[in-house]
Amino acid sequence: MSDSMTRAATAFLAALDPDQLAQAAAPFDAADRRTFTYLPRSRPGLTLGEMSDAQRELALALLAEGLSEPGLADARAIMALETVLGAVERSAGMDTWSKRQPDRYWFRVHGTPGSSSPWAWKVGGHHLAVTVTVVDGRVAGTPQFFGANPSTVPAGYPGAGRRTLAAEQDLGRALVTSLPPSLQAVAVTSEEAPRDILTRDDPVADAGLVAPGLAYGDLPAEGRELLERLIRLYVGRVSASIAEPAWASIVDAGLERVTFRWAGPVEPGHGHYYAVLGPTFLLEYDNTQQDANHVHSVWRDLRHDWGDDLLAAHHAAHHG
C-alpha cells in the first residue's frame, strides 16, 4: 500500500506548477499537519477547484489510495452534497449558499513521499477530513471525519430520497432497538442528544467527555454482532492495509471493554447520538441539526491519532 500511495502522491505533486506546489506541499512538521476541521472554512492546501482536470484526477487517485471502495464512495457523495445543500440554502434565502461548492476540498502533502522520513497527506473540506500518515512503510488513518447535510436529500431536489452515511445511522439504531428494556435503559444515557459530537475537531480527543454506556460483554449475542459490525463500518472506510491493523489493535485491547452509549429517542425522525468507546478508540455519531437530517461522525485513536505510535517507533529506531 505505501508504495502505491507514494506513487500517487508523487504523481500528484509532480503535476502541479510552482505556485500550486507551494500551497499543496508543506514540511512534515508544519503546525497544520495535526489539525482538522469539518466546518465550511478555508484550510491550508490546494482545492480541487484550483486544479486542472488532469490534476484533479491525480488528487482523487491519492484519496482513493487511502480509502476503501465504500469509503471513497461516501467521500465522493459528501462532496457532491454541497451542490444540494447550496440549492436548499438558496431556496431558504440563506446567503451561505454560494459557498457550498463540491470543489472546495483541500489537498495537502506533508513531507516527501517515498523518502526514509515520515510523510503524510490530508484531504479536508465541509464534512470531510481524511488524514493519513506514512512511517517506514506503515500507514495510519486517524483522525477521520465523515458528515452529511442533508443526510437524506429532500423532495424537490435532484436525487430526492438519496441517503448518505445511512449505514452509520441504521446500524446504531438497530443495535439500540435490539436490546431488551433492561439493557436499553443502561445504553440510553440521556433522553436528549447533544447538538454535535462531543470531541468536536480537537487535535487530541478527550475521551473523558464521553460517558461510557453498555459494555460489549453485557450485550446479547445479536448486540455483540451489531456492535462489531458498527466498529468495522467506521474502520472499514479506509483501505484494507490501514483498516486491518486498526481492527487488530481494537481487538487486542479487549472488545469486552468497549461500551456503547445512545442519547435521544430511539425512534426514527428525532435527533440522536451514539458513541462507541474502547480503551484505544472512540467513535461518535450525531444527527440532530436540520431536524435530524445532518450527520456528523468521527473515528479517533485515543493514543495514536496522527500516527503517533508509528512516529514513536520510528524515532526510537532511527534517532534513539
C-alpha atoms as a PDB file:
ATOM      1  CA  MET A   1       0.000   0.000   0.000  1.00  0.00           C
ATOM      2  CA  SER A   2       2.651   2.553   0.950  1.00  0.00           C
ATOM      3  CA  ASP A   3       4.399   2.056  -2.429  1.00  0.00           C
ATOM      4  CA  SER A   4       1.263   2.735  -4.457  1.00  0.00           C
ATOM      5  CA  MET A   5       0.358   5.594  -2.150  1.00  0.00           C
ATOM      6  CA  THR A   6       3.839   7.045  -2.609  1.00  0.00           C
ATOM      7  CA  ARG A   7       3.464   6.831  -6.383  1.00  0.00           C
ATOM      8  CA  ALA A   8       0.059   8.521  -6.236  1.00  0.00           C
ATOM      9  CA  ALA A   9       1.295  11.359  -4.026  1.00  0.00           C
ATOM     10  CA  THR A  10       4.435  11.840  -6.121  1.00  0.00           C
ATOM     11  CA  ALA A  11       2.433  11.944  -9.348  1.00  0.00           C
ATOM     12  CA  PHE A  12       0.023  14.478  -7.886  1.00  0.00           C
ATOM     13  CA  LEU A  13       2.794  16.810  -6.695  1.00  0.00           C
ATOM     14  CA  ALA A  14       4.738  16.457  -9.953  1.00  0.00           C
ATOM     15  CA  ALA A  15       1.710  17.648 -11.937  1.00  0.00           C
ATOM     16  CA  LEU A  16       1.494  20.974 -10.090  1.00  0.00           C
ATOM     17  CA  ASP A  17       3.036  24.257 -11.174  1.00  0.00           C
ATOM     18  CA  PRO A  18       5.298  26.081  -8.663  1.00  0.00           C
ATOM     19  CA  ASP A  19       2.545  28.275  -7.228  1.00  0.00           C
ATOM     20  CA  GLN A  20       0.228  25.300  -6.768  1.00  0.00           C
ATOM     21  CA  LEU A  21       3.033  23.256  -5.235  1.00  0.00           C
ATOM     22  CA  ALA A  22       3.688  25.987  -2.682  1.00  0.00           C
ATOM     23  CA  GLN A  23       0.096  25.570  -1.496  1.00  0.00           C
ATOM     24  CA  ALA A  24      -0.161  21.793  -1.697  1.00  0.00           C
ATOM     25  CA  ALA A  25       3.190  20.818  -0.154  1.00  0.00           C
ATOM     26  CA  ALA A  26       4.476  21.546   3.338  1.00  0.00           C
ATOM     27  CA  PRO A  27       7.140  20.253   5.718  1.00  0.00           C
ATOM     28  CA  PHE A  28       6.168  17.244   7.788  1.00  0.00           C
ATOM     29  CA  ASP A  29       6.448  19.239  10.990  1.00  0.00           C
ATOM     30  CA  ALA A  30       4.224  22.106   9.789  1.00  0.00           C
ATOM     31  CA  ALA A  31       1.732  23.022  12.500  1.00  0.00           C
ATOM     32  CA  ASP A  32      -1.327  22.315  10.356  1.00  0.00           C
ATOM     33  CA  ARG A  33      -0.445  18.624   9.960  1.00  0.00           C
ATOM     34  CA  ARG A  34      -2.007  17.907  13.351  1.00  0.00           C
ATOM     35  CA  THR A  35      -5.227  19.833  12.803  1.00  0.00           C
ATOM     36  CA  PHE A  36      -8.502  19.037  11.102  1.00  0.00           C
ATOM     37  CA  THR A  37     -11.922  20.612  10.908  1.00  0.00           C
ATOM     38  CA  TYR A  38     -15.250  19.635   9.393  1.00  0.00           C
ATOM     39  CA  LEU A  39     -16.594  23.187   9.258  1.00  0.00           C
ATOM     40  CA  PRO A  40     -17.076  25.062   5.939  1.00  0.00           C
ATOM     41  CA  ARG A  41     -13.958  27.186   6.219  1.00  0.00           C
ATOM     42  CA  SER A  42     -10.700  27.511   4.274  1.00  0.00           C
ATOM     43  CA  ARG A  43      -7.770  25.225   5.041  1.00  0.00           C
ATOM     44  CA  PRO A  44      -4.109  25.157   4.053  1.00  0.00           C
ATOM     45  CA  GLY A  45      -3.628  23.326   0.772  1.00  0.00           C
ATOM     46  CA  LEU A  46      -4.840  23.341  -2.816  1.00  0.00           C
ATOM     47  CA  THR A  47      -8.526  22.972  -3.649  1.00  0.00           C
ATOM     48  CA  LEU A  48      -9.977  20.796  -6.364  1.00  0.00           C
ATOM     49  CA  GLY A  49     -11.333  23.979  -7.907  1.00  0.00           C
ATOM     50  CA  GLU A  50      -7.793  25.328  -8.359  1.00  0.00           C
ATOM     51  CA  MET A  51      -6.706  22.246 -10.291  1.00  0.00           C
ATOM     52  CA  SER A  52      -6.945  21.307 -13.943  1.00  0.00           C
ATOM     53  CA  ASP A  53      -8.965  18.240 -14.873  1.00  0.00           C
ATOM     54  CA  ALA A  54      -5.797  16.136 -15.068  1.00  0.00           C
ATOM     55  CA  GLN A  55      -4.535  17.401 -11.716  1.00  0.00           C
ATOM     56  CA  ARG A  56      -7.920  16.777 -10.112  1.00  0.00           C
ATOM     57  CA  GLU A  57      -7.856  13.207 -11.361  1.00  0.00           C
ATOM     58  CA  LEU A  58      -4.456  12.669  -9.737  1.00  0.00           C
ATOM     59  CA  ALA A  59      -5.634  14.241  -6.479  1.00  0.00           C
ATOM     60  CA  LEU A  60      -8.652  11.951  -6.325  1.00  0.00           C
ATOM     61  CA  ALA A  61      -6.418   8.982  -7.143  1.00  0.00           C
ATOM     62  CA  LEU A  62      -4.433   9.802  -3.998  1.00  0.00           C
ATOM     63  CA  LEU A  63      -7.641   9.957  -1.981  1.00  0.00           C
ATOM     64  CA  ALA A  64      -8.590   6.550  -3.386  1.00  0.00           C
ATOM     65  CA  GLU A  65      -5.305   5.098  -2.127  1.00  0.00           C
ATOM     66  CA  GLY A  66      -6.264   5.886   1.464  1.00  0.00           C
ATOM     67  CA  LEU A  67      -9.898   4.818   1.380  1.00  0.00           C
ATOM     68  CA  SER A  68     -11.749   1.591   0.751  1.00  0.00           C
ATOM     69  CA  GLU A  69     -14.203   1.405  -2.129  1.00  0.00           C
ATOM     70  CA  PRO A  70     -17.185   2.143   0.177  1.00  0.00           C
ATOM     71  CA  GLY A  71     -15.209   4.874   1.947  1.00  0.00           C
ATOM     72  CA  LEU A  72     -14.338   6.552  -1.333  1.00  0.00           C
ATOM     73  CA  ALA A  73     -17.956   6.354  -2.479  1.00  0.00           C
ATOM     74  CA  ASP A  74     -19.052   8.043   0.755  1.00  0.00           C
ATOM     75  CA  ALA A  75     -16.381  10.725   0.402  1.00  0.00           C
ATOM     76  CA  ARG A  76     -17.452  11.496  -3.154  1.00  0.00           C
ATOM     77  CA  ALA A  77     -21.109  11.581  -2.045  1.00  0.00           C
ATOM     78  CA  ILE A  78     -20.244  14.018   0.759  1.00  0.00           C
ATOM     79  CA  MET A  79     -18.537  16.336  -1.721  1.00  0.00           C
ATOM     80  CA  ALA A  80     -21.479  16.130  -4.115  1.00  0.00           C
ATOM     81  CA  LEU A  81     -23.914  17.027  -1.323  1.00  0.00           C
ATOM     82  CA  GLU A  82     -22.506  20.557  -1.306  1.00  0.00           C
ATOM     83  CA  THR A  83     -24.452  21.219  -4.517  1.00  0.00           C
ATOM     84  CA  VAL A  84     -27.666  20.004  -2.882  1.00  0.00           C
ATOM     85  CA  LEU A  85     -27.009  21.977   0.293  1.00  0.00           C
ATOM     86  CA  GLY A  86     -26.366  25.103  -1.751  1.00  0.00           C
ATOM     87  CA  ALA A  87     -29.694  24.691  -3.525  1.00  0.00           C
ATOM     88  CA  VAL A  88     -31.528  24.089  -0.233  1.00  0.00           C
ATOM     89  CA  GLU A  89     -29.973  27.170   1.379  1.00  0.00           C
ATOM     90  CA  ARG A  90     -30.611  29.337  -1.685  1.00  0.00           C
ATOM     91  CA  SER A  91     -34.292  28.325  -1.623  1.00  0.00           C
ATOM     92  CA  ALA A  92     -34.381  29.284   2.048  1.00  0.00           C
ATOM     93  CA  GLY A  93     -32.867  32.718   1.329  1.00  0.00           C
ATOM     94  CA  MET A  94     -29.619  31.973   3.169  1.00  0.00           C
ATOM     95  CA  ASP A  95     -26.562  33.892   1.979  1.00  0.00           C
ATOM     96  CA  THR A  96     -24.269  30.925   2.708  1.00  0.00           C
ATOM     97  CA  TRP A  97     -25.471  29.031  -0.350  1.00  0.00           C
ATOM     98  CA  SER A  98     -22.756  30.408  -2.642  1.00  0.00           C
ATOM     99  CA  LYS A  99     -20.001  28.851  -0.527  1.00  0.00           C
ATOM    100  CA  ARG A 100     -21.383  25.357  -0.977  1.00  0.00           C
ATOM    101  CA  GLN A 101     -19.165  24.125  -3.772  1.00  0.00           C
ATOM    102  CA  PRO A 102     -18.161  20.490  -4.405  1.00  0.00           C
ATOM    103  CA  ASP A 103     -14.679  21.598  -5.460  1.00  0.00           C
ATOM    104  CA  ARG A 104     -13.932  23.375  -2.148  1.00  0.00           C
ATOM    105  CA  TYR A 105     -11.911  20.433  -0.801  1.00  0.00           C
ATOM    106  CA  TRP A 106      -8.272  20.992   0.049  1.00  0.00           C
ATOM    107  CA  PHE A 107      -5.370  18.602  -0.606  1.00  0.00           C
ATOM    108  CA  ARG A 108      -2.124  18.878   1.343  1.00  0.00           C
ATOM    109  CA  VAL A 109       1.017  16.693   1.431  1.00  0.00           C
ATOM    110  CA  HIS A 110       3.426  16.962   4.367  1.00  0.00           C
ATOM    111  CA  GLY A 111       6.994  15.812   3.893  1.00  0.00           C
ATOM    112  CA  THR A 112       8.466  13.965   0.943  1.00  0.00           C
ATOM    113  CA  PRO A 113       6.633  10.877  -0.330  1.00  0.00           C
ATOM    114  CA  GLY A 114       8.965   7.920  -0.706  1.00  0.00           C
ATOM    115  CA  SER A 115      11.737   9.298   1.468  1.00  0.00           C
ATOM    116  CA  SER A 116      13.078   7.469   4.522  1.00  0.00           C
ATOM    117  CA  SER A 117      11.468  10.135   6.690  1.00  0.00           C
ATOM    118  CA  PRO A 118       7.807  10.125   7.742  1.00  0.00           C
ATOM    119  CA  TRP A 119       5.346  11.886   5.465  1.00  0.00           C
ATOM    120  CA  ALA A 120       1.608  12.472   5.447  1.00  0.00           C
ATOM    121  CA  TRP A 121      -1.301  13.782   3.425  1.00  0.00           C
ATOM    122  CA  LYS A 122      -4.748  15.057   4.187  1.00  0.00           C
ATOM    123  CA  VAL A 123      -7.944  15.944   2.387  1.00  0.00           C
ATOM    124  CA  GLY A 124     -10.428  18.267   4.018  1.00  0.00           C
ATOM    125  CA  GLY A 125     -13.473  20.374   3.367  1.00  0.00           C
ATOM    126  CA  HIS A 126     -17.008  20.719   4.657  1.00  0.00           C
ATOM    127  CA  HIS A 127     -17.967  17.449   6.373  1.00  0.00           C
ATOM    128  CA  LEU A 128     -14.860  15.533   5.283  1.00  0.00           C
ATOM    129  CA  ALA A 129     -11.472  15.077   6.929  1.00  0.00           C
ATOM    130  CA  VAL A 130      -9.177  12.281   5.785  1.00  0.00           C
ATOM    131  CA  THR A 131      -5.751  12.206   7.437  1.00  0.00           C
ATOM    132  CA  VAL A 132      -3.074   9.664   6.511  1.00  0.00           C
ATOM    133  CA  THR A 133       0.422   9.273   7.998  1.00  0.00           C
ATOM    134  CA  VAL A 134       3.097   7.051   6.435  1.00  0.00           C
ATOM    135  CA  VAL A 135       6.073   5.932   8.517  1.00  0.00           C
ATOM    136  CA  ASP A 136       8.580   3.265   7.458  1.00  0.00           C
ATOM    137  CA  GLY A 137       6.046   1.706   5.114  1.00  0.00           C
ATOM    138  CA  ARG A 138       3.287   1.545   7.744  1.00  0.00           C
ATOM    139  CA  VAL A 139       0.170   3.688   7.452  1.00  0.00           C
ATOM    140  CA  ALA A 140      -2.217   5.272   9.993  1.00  0.00           C
ATOM    141  CA  GLY A 141      -5.614   6.753   9.112  1.00  0.00           C
ATOM    142  CA  THR A 142      -6.951   8.753  12.071  1.00  0.00           C
ATOM    143  CA  PRO A 143      -8.436  11.167  12.889  1.00  0.00           C
ATOM    144  CA  GLN A 144     -11.179  10.713  10.328  1.00  0.00           C
ATOM    145  CA  PHE A 145     -14.443  12.629   9.951  1.00  0.00           C
ATOM    146  CA  PHE A 146     -17.367  11.953   7.590  1.00  0.00           C
ATOM    147  CA  GLY A 147     -20.546  14.048   7.677  1.00  0.00           C
ATOM    148  CA  ALA A 148     -23.611  14.657   5.530  1.00  0.00           C
ATOM    149  CA  ASN A 149     -26.041  17.555   5.117  1.00  0.00           C
ATOM    150  CA  PRO A 150     -28.685  16.797   4.069  1.00  0.00           C
ATOM    151  CA  SER A 151     -28.190  13.170   5.018  1.00  0.00           C
ATOM    152  CA  THR A 152     -31.424  12.415   3.128  1.00  0.00           C
ATOM    153  CA  VAL A 153     -31.982  14.615   0.073  1.00  0.00           C
ATOM    154  CA  PRO A 154     -35.385  16.313   0.492  1.00  0.00           C
ATOM    155  CA  ALA A 155     -38.181  16.212  -2.047  1.00  0.00           C
ATOM    156  CA  GLY A 156     -37.896  18.707  -4.860  1.00  0.00           C
ATOM    157  CA  TYR A 157     -34.107  18.415  -5.261  1.00  0.00           C
ATOM    158  CA  PRO A 158     -32.045  16.206  -7.577  1.00  0.00           C
ATOM    159  CA  GLY A 159     -31.581  12.790  -6.028  1.00  0.00           C
ATOM    160  CA  ALA A 160     -34.541  13.203  -3.658  1.00  0.00           C
ATOM    161  CA  GLY A 161     -34.599  10.435  -1.089  1.00  0.00           C
ATOM    162  CA  ARG A 162     -30.942   9.525  -1.524  1.00  0.00           C
ATOM    163  CA  ARG A 163     -29.263   8.832   1.819  1.00  0.00           C
ATOM    164  CA  THR A 164     -25.614   9.449   2.665  1.00  0.00           C
ATOM    165  CA  LEU A 165     -23.981   7.649   5.636  1.00  0.00           C
ATOM    166  CA  ALA A 166     -27.170   5.629   6.006  1.00  0.00           C
ATOM    167  CA  ALA A 167     -25.430   2.540   7.408  1.00  0.00           C
ATOM    168  CA  GLU A 168     -23.961   4.528  10.307  1.00  0.00           C
ATOM    169  CA  GLN A 169     -27.456   5.525  11.356  1.00  0.00           C
ATOM    170  CA  ASP A 170     -29.167   2.227  10.638  1.00  0.00           C
ATOM    171  CA  LEU A 171     -26.651   0.011  12.428  1.00  0.00           C
ATOM    172  CA  GLY A 172     -26.582   2.233  15.504  1.00  0.00           C
ATOM    173  CA  ARG A 173     -30.370   2.246  15.719  1.00  0.00           C
ATOM    174  CA  ALA A 174     -30.573  -1.490  15.028  1.00  0.00           C
ATOM    175  CA  LEU A 175     -28.249  -2.076  17.967  1.00  0.00           C
ATOM    176  CA  VAL A 176     -30.097   0.071  20.492  1.00  0.00           C
ATOM    177  CA  THR A 177     -33.547  -1.175  19.455  1.00  0.00           C
ATOM    178  CA  SER A 178     -32.421  -4.814  19.578  1.00  0.00           C
ATOM    179  CA  LEU A 179     -31.799  -4.551  23.315  1.00  0.00           C
ATOM    180  CA  PRO A 180     -34.279  -5.784  25.892  1.00  0.00           C
ATOM    181  CA  PRO A 181     -35.711  -2.955  28.033  1.00  0.00           C
ATOM    182  CA  SER A 182     -33.382  -3.586  30.970  1.00  0.00           C
ATOM    183  CA  LEU A 183     -30.276  -3.238  28.803  1.00  0.00           C
ATOM    184  CA  GLN A 184     -31.670  -0.402  26.685  1.00  0.00           C
ATOM    185  CA  ALA A 185     -32.113   1.554  29.923  1.00  0.00           C
ATOM    186  CA  VAL A 186     -28.358   1.243  30.501  1.00  0.00           C
ATOM    187  CA  ALA A 187     -27.373   2.070  26.920  1.00  0.00           C
ATOM    188  CA  VAL A 188     -29.631   5.136  26.588  1.00  0.00           C
ATOM    189  CA  THR A 189     -27.879   7.570  28.907  1.00  0.00           C
ATOM    190  CA  SER A 190     -29.940  10.682  28.081  1.00  0.00           C
ATOM    191  CA  GLU A 191     -33.345  11.497  26.635  1.00  0.00           C
ATOM    192  CA  GLU A 192     -31.817  14.390  24.687  1.00  0.00           C
ATOM    193  CA  ALA A 193     -28.971  14.174  22.194  1.00  0.00           C
ATOM    194  CA  PRO A 194     -26.107  16.688  22.228  1.00  0.00           C
ATOM    195  CA  ARG A 195     -26.032  19.218  19.405  1.00  0.00           C
ATOM    196  CA  ASP A 196     -22.778  17.836  17.999  1.00  0.00           C
ATOM    197  CA  ILE A 197     -20.121  15.229  18.573  1.00  0.00           C
ATOM    198  CA  LEU A 198     -18.582  15.981  21.958  1.00  0.00           C
ATOM    199  CA  THR A 199     -14.922  15.922  20.918  1.00  0.00           C
ATOM    200  CA  ARG A 200     -15.595  18.322  18.015  1.00  0.00           C
ATOM    201  CA  ASP A 201     -12.402  18.839  15.961  1.00  0.00           C
ATOM    202  CA  ASP A 202      -9.955  18.924  18.863  1.00  0.00           C
ATOM    203  CA  PRO A 203      -6.439  17.854  17.784  1.00  0.00           C
ATOM    204  CA  VAL A 204      -6.365  15.492  20.786  1.00  0.00           C
ATOM    205  CA  ALA A 205      -9.627  13.684  21.572  1.00  0.00           C
ATOM    206  CA  ASP A 206     -10.659  13.804  25.229  1.00  0.00           C
ATOM    207  CA  ALA A 207     -12.456  10.541  25.963  1.00  0.00           C
ATOM    208  CA  GLY A 208     -13.437  11.950  29.340  1.00  0.00           C
ATOM    209  CA  LEU A 209     -16.105  13.995  27.574  1.00  0.00           C
ATOM    210  CA  VAL A 210     -17.933  10.804  26.603  1.00  0.00           C
ATOM    211  CA  ALA A 211     -19.772   8.892  29.305  1.00  0.00           C
ATOM    212  CA  PRO A 212     -19.484   5.107  28.952  1.00  0.00           C
ATOM    213  CA  GLY A 213     -22.625   3.130  28.253  1.00  0.00           C
ATOM    214  CA  LEU A 214     -23.439  -0.546  27.947  1.00  0.00           C
ATOM    215  CA  ALA A 215     -20.436  -2.889  27.854  1.00  0.00           C
ATOM    216  CA  TYR A 216     -19.844  -5.289  24.964  1.00  0.00           C
ATOM    217  CA  GLY A 217     -19.672  -8.178  27.412  1.00  0.00           C
ATOM    218  CA  ASP A 218     -23.158  -7.381  28.713  1.00  0.00           C
ATOM    219  CA  LEU A 219     -24.743  -7.432  25.265  1.00  0.00           C
ATOM    220  CA  PRO A 220     -26.688 -10.418  23.974  1.00  0.00           C
ATOM    221  CA  ALA A 221     -25.149 -12.264  21.026  1.00  0.00           C
ATOM    222  CA  GLU A 222     -27.088 -10.216  18.461  1.00  0.00           C
ATOM    223  CA  GLY A 223     -25.966  -6.990  20.121  1.00  0.00           C
ATOM    224  CA  ARG A 224     -22.313  -8.036  20.124  1.00  0.00           C
ATOM    225  CA  GLU A 225     -22.523  -8.848  16.423  1.00  0.00           C
ATOM    226  CA  LEU A 226     -24.126  -5.482  15.637  1.00  0.00           C
ATOM    227  CA  LEU A 227     -21.548  -3.601  17.692  1.00  0.00           C
ATOM    228  CA  GLU A 228     -18.685  -5.338  15.897  1.00  0.00           C
ATOM    229  CA  ARG A 229     -20.294  -4.520  12.551  1.00  0.00           C
ATOM    230  CA  LEU A 230     -20.648  -0.890  13.597  1.00  0.00           C
ATOM    231  CA  ILE A 231     -16.996  -0.593  14.591  1.00  0.00           C
ATOM    232  CA  ARG A 232     -15.883  -2.299  11.392  1.00  0.00           C
ATOM    233  CA  LEU A 233     -18.033   0.113   9.375  1.00  0.00           C
ATOM    234  CA  TYR A 234     -16.032   3.096  10.613  1.00  0.00           C
ATOM    235  CA  VAL A 235     -12.665   1.368  10.453  1.00  0.00           C
ATOM    236  CA  GLY A 236     -13.547  -0.024   7.037  1.00  0.00           C
ATOM    237  CA  ARG A 237     -13.781   3.402   5.478  1.00  0.00           C
ATOM    238  CA  VAL A 238     -10.019   3.288   4.981  1.00  0.00           C
ATOM    239  CA  SER A 239      -8.120   0.867   2.753  1.00  0.00           C
ATOM    240  CA  ALA A 240      -7.611  -2.678   3.988  1.00  0.00           C
ATOM    241  CA  SER A 241      -3.905  -2.190   4.709  1.00  0.00           C
ATOM    242  CA  ILE A 242      -4.862   0.525   7.216  1.00  0.00           C
ATOM    243  CA  ALA A 243      -8.112  -0.992   8.469  1.00  0.00           C
ATOM    244  CA  GLU A 244      -6.858  -4.482   9.272  1.00  0.00           C
ATOM    245  CA  PRO A 245      -4.101  -3.408  11.703  1.00  0.00           C
ATOM    246  CA  ALA A 246      -6.519  -0.889  13.256  1.00  0.00           C
ATOM    247  CA  TRP A 247      -9.143  -3.578  13.852  1.00  0.00           C
ATOM    248  CA  ALA A 248      -6.498  -5.948  15.255  1.00  0.00           C
ATOM    249  CA  SER A 249      -5.405  -3.241  17.689  1.00  0.00           C
ATOM    250  CA  ILE A 250      -9.001  -2.739  18.857  1.00  0.00           C
ATOM    251  CA  VAL A 251      -9.438  -6.477  19.421  1.00  0.00           C
ATOM    252  CA  ASP A 252      -6.097  -6.805  21.210  1.00  0.00           C
ATOM    253  CA  ALA A 253      -7.086  -4.036  23.630  1.00  0.00           C
ATOM    254  CA  GLY A 254     -10.212  -6.023  24.535  1.00  0.00           C
ATOM    255  CA  LEU A 255     -13.648  -5.909  22.930  1.00  0.00           C
ATOM    256  CA  GLU A 256     -15.144  -6.723  26.324  1.00  0.00           C
ATOM    257  CA  ARG A 257     -14.020  -3.276  27.483  1.00  0.00           C
ATOM    258  CA  VAL A 258     -15.846  -1.473  24.659  1.00  0.00           C
ATOM    259  CA  THR A 259     -19.070   0.352  25.553  1.00  0.00           C
ATOM    260  CA  PHE A 260     -21.999   1.648  23.509  1.00  0.00           C
ATOM    261  CA  ARG A 261     -23.944   4.745  24.526  1.00  0.00           C
ATOM    262  CA  TRP A 262     -27.064   6.259  22.906  1.00  0.00           C
ATOM    263  CA  ALA A 263     -28.698   9.641  23.599  1.00  0.00           C
ATOM    264  CA  GLY A 264     -32.087  10.837  22.377  1.00  0.00           C
ATOM    265  CA  PRO A 265     -35.189   8.913  21.288  1.00  0.00           C
ATOM    266  CA  VAL A 266     -34.586   5.580  19.592  1.00  0.00           C
ATOM    267  CA  GLU A 267     -37.444   6.083  17.108  1.00  0.00           C
ATOM    268  CA  PRO A 268     -36.606   7.477  13.645  1.00  0.00           C
ATOM    269  CA  GLY A 269     -37.190  11.149  12.945  1.00  0.00           C
ATOM    270  CA  HIS A 270     -35.713  12.533  16.172  1.00  0.00           C
ATOM    271  CA  GLY A 271     -32.306  13.943  16.990  1.00  0.00           C
ATOM    272  CA  HIS A 272     -29.998  11.199  18.207  1.00  0.00           C
ATOM    273  CA  TYR A 273     -26.398  10.495  19.146  1.00  0.00           C
ATOM    274  CA  TYR A 274     -24.279   7.478  19.930  1.00  0.00           C
ATOM    275  CA  ALA A 275     -20.713   6.795  20.966  1.00  0.00           C
ATOM    276  CA  VAL A 276     -18.625   3.635  20.934  1.00  0.00           C
ATOM    277  CA  LEU A 277     -15.787   3.957  23.420  1.00  0.00           C
ATOM    278  CA  GLY A 278     -12.942   1.483  23.828  1.00  0.00           C
ATOM    279  CA  PRO A 279      -9.605   1.544  25.628  1.00  0.00           C
ATOM    280  CA  THR A 280      -7.861   2.753  22.465  1.00  0.00           C
ATOM    281  CA  PHE A 281     -10.509   4.321  20.227  1.00  0.00           C
ATOM    282  CA  LEU A 282     -13.651   6.417  20.063  1.00  0.00           C
ATOM    283  CA  LEU A 283     -16.471   6.582  17.526  1.00  0.00           C
ATOM    284  CA  GLU A 284     -19.020   9.388  17.741  1.00  0.00           C
ATOM    285  CA  TYR A 285     -22.150   9.923  15.670  1.00  0.00           C
ATOM    286  CA  ASP A 286     -24.566  12.841  15.962  1.00  0.00           C
ATOM    287  CA  ASN A 287     -27.676  13.574  13.895  1.00  0.00           C
ATOM    288  CA  THR A 288     -29.607  16.435  15.472  1.00  0.00           C
ATOM    289  CA  GLN A 289     -29.338  19.528  13.292  1.00  0.00           C
ATOM    290  CA  GLN A 290     -31.743  20.370  10.433  1.00  0.00           C
ATOM    291  CA  ASP A 291     -34.476  18.265  12.056  1.00  0.00           C
ATOM    292  CA  ALA A 292     -32.231  15.224  12.385  1.00  0.00           C
ATOM    293  CA  ASN A 293     -31.063  15.338   8.773  1.00  0.00           C
ATOM    294  CA  HIS A 294     -27.458  16.416   9.331  1.00  0.00           C
ATOM    295  CA  VAL A 295     -24.902  13.754  10.273  1.00  0.00           C
ATOM    296  CA  HIS A 296     -21.518  14.158  11.948  1.00  0.00           C
ATOM    297  CA  SER A 297     -19.367  11.072  12.561  1.00  0.00           C
ATOM    298  CA  VAL A 298     -15.776  10.654  13.677  1.00  0.00           C
ATOM    299  CA  TRP A 299     -13.226   7.908  14.352  1.00  0.00           C
ATOM    300  CA  ARG A 300     -10.425   8.778  16.776  1.00  0.00           C
ATOM    301  CA  ASP A 301      -7.475   6.763  18.039  1.00  0.00           C
ATOM    302  CA  LEU A 302      -7.215   7.879  21.655  1.00  0.00           C
ATOM    303  CA  ARG A 303      -3.492   7.170  21.886  1.00  0.00           C
ATOM    304  CA  HIS A 304      -2.193   7.331  18.354  1.00  0.00           C
ATOM    305  CA  ASP A 305      -4.059   9.855  16.208  1.00  0.00           C
ATOM    306  CA  TRP A 306      -1.768  11.370  13.575  1.00  0.00           C
ATOM    307  CA  GLY A 307       0.297   8.138  13.531  1.00  0.00           C
ATOM    308  CA  ASP A 308       1.910   8.923  16.864  1.00  0.00           C
ATOM    309  CA  ASP A 309       2.661   5.244  17.603  1.00  0.00           C
ATOM    310  CA  LEU A 310       4.380   4.821  14.238  1.00  0.00           C
ATOM    311  CA  LEU A 311       6.341   8.013  14.776  1.00  0.00           C
ATOM    312  CA  ALA A 312       7.444   6.947  18.260  1.00  0.00           C
ATOM    313  CA  ALA A 313       8.711   3.626  16.896  1.00  0.00           C
ATOM    314  CA  HIS A 314      10.489   5.424  14.055  1.00  0.00           C
ATOM    315  CA  HIS A 315      12.254   7.841  16.373  1.00  0.00           C
ATOM    316  CA  ALA A 316      13.246   5.045  18.748  1.00  0.00           C
ATOM    317  CA  ALA A 317      14.720   3.038  15.875  1.00  0.00           C
ATOM    318  CA  HIS A 318      16.425   5.845  13.984  1.00  0.00           C
ATOM    319  CA  HIS A 319      17.047   8.615  16.460  1.00  0.00           C
ATOM    320  CA  GLY A 320      17.295   6.824  19.802  1.00  0.00           C
END
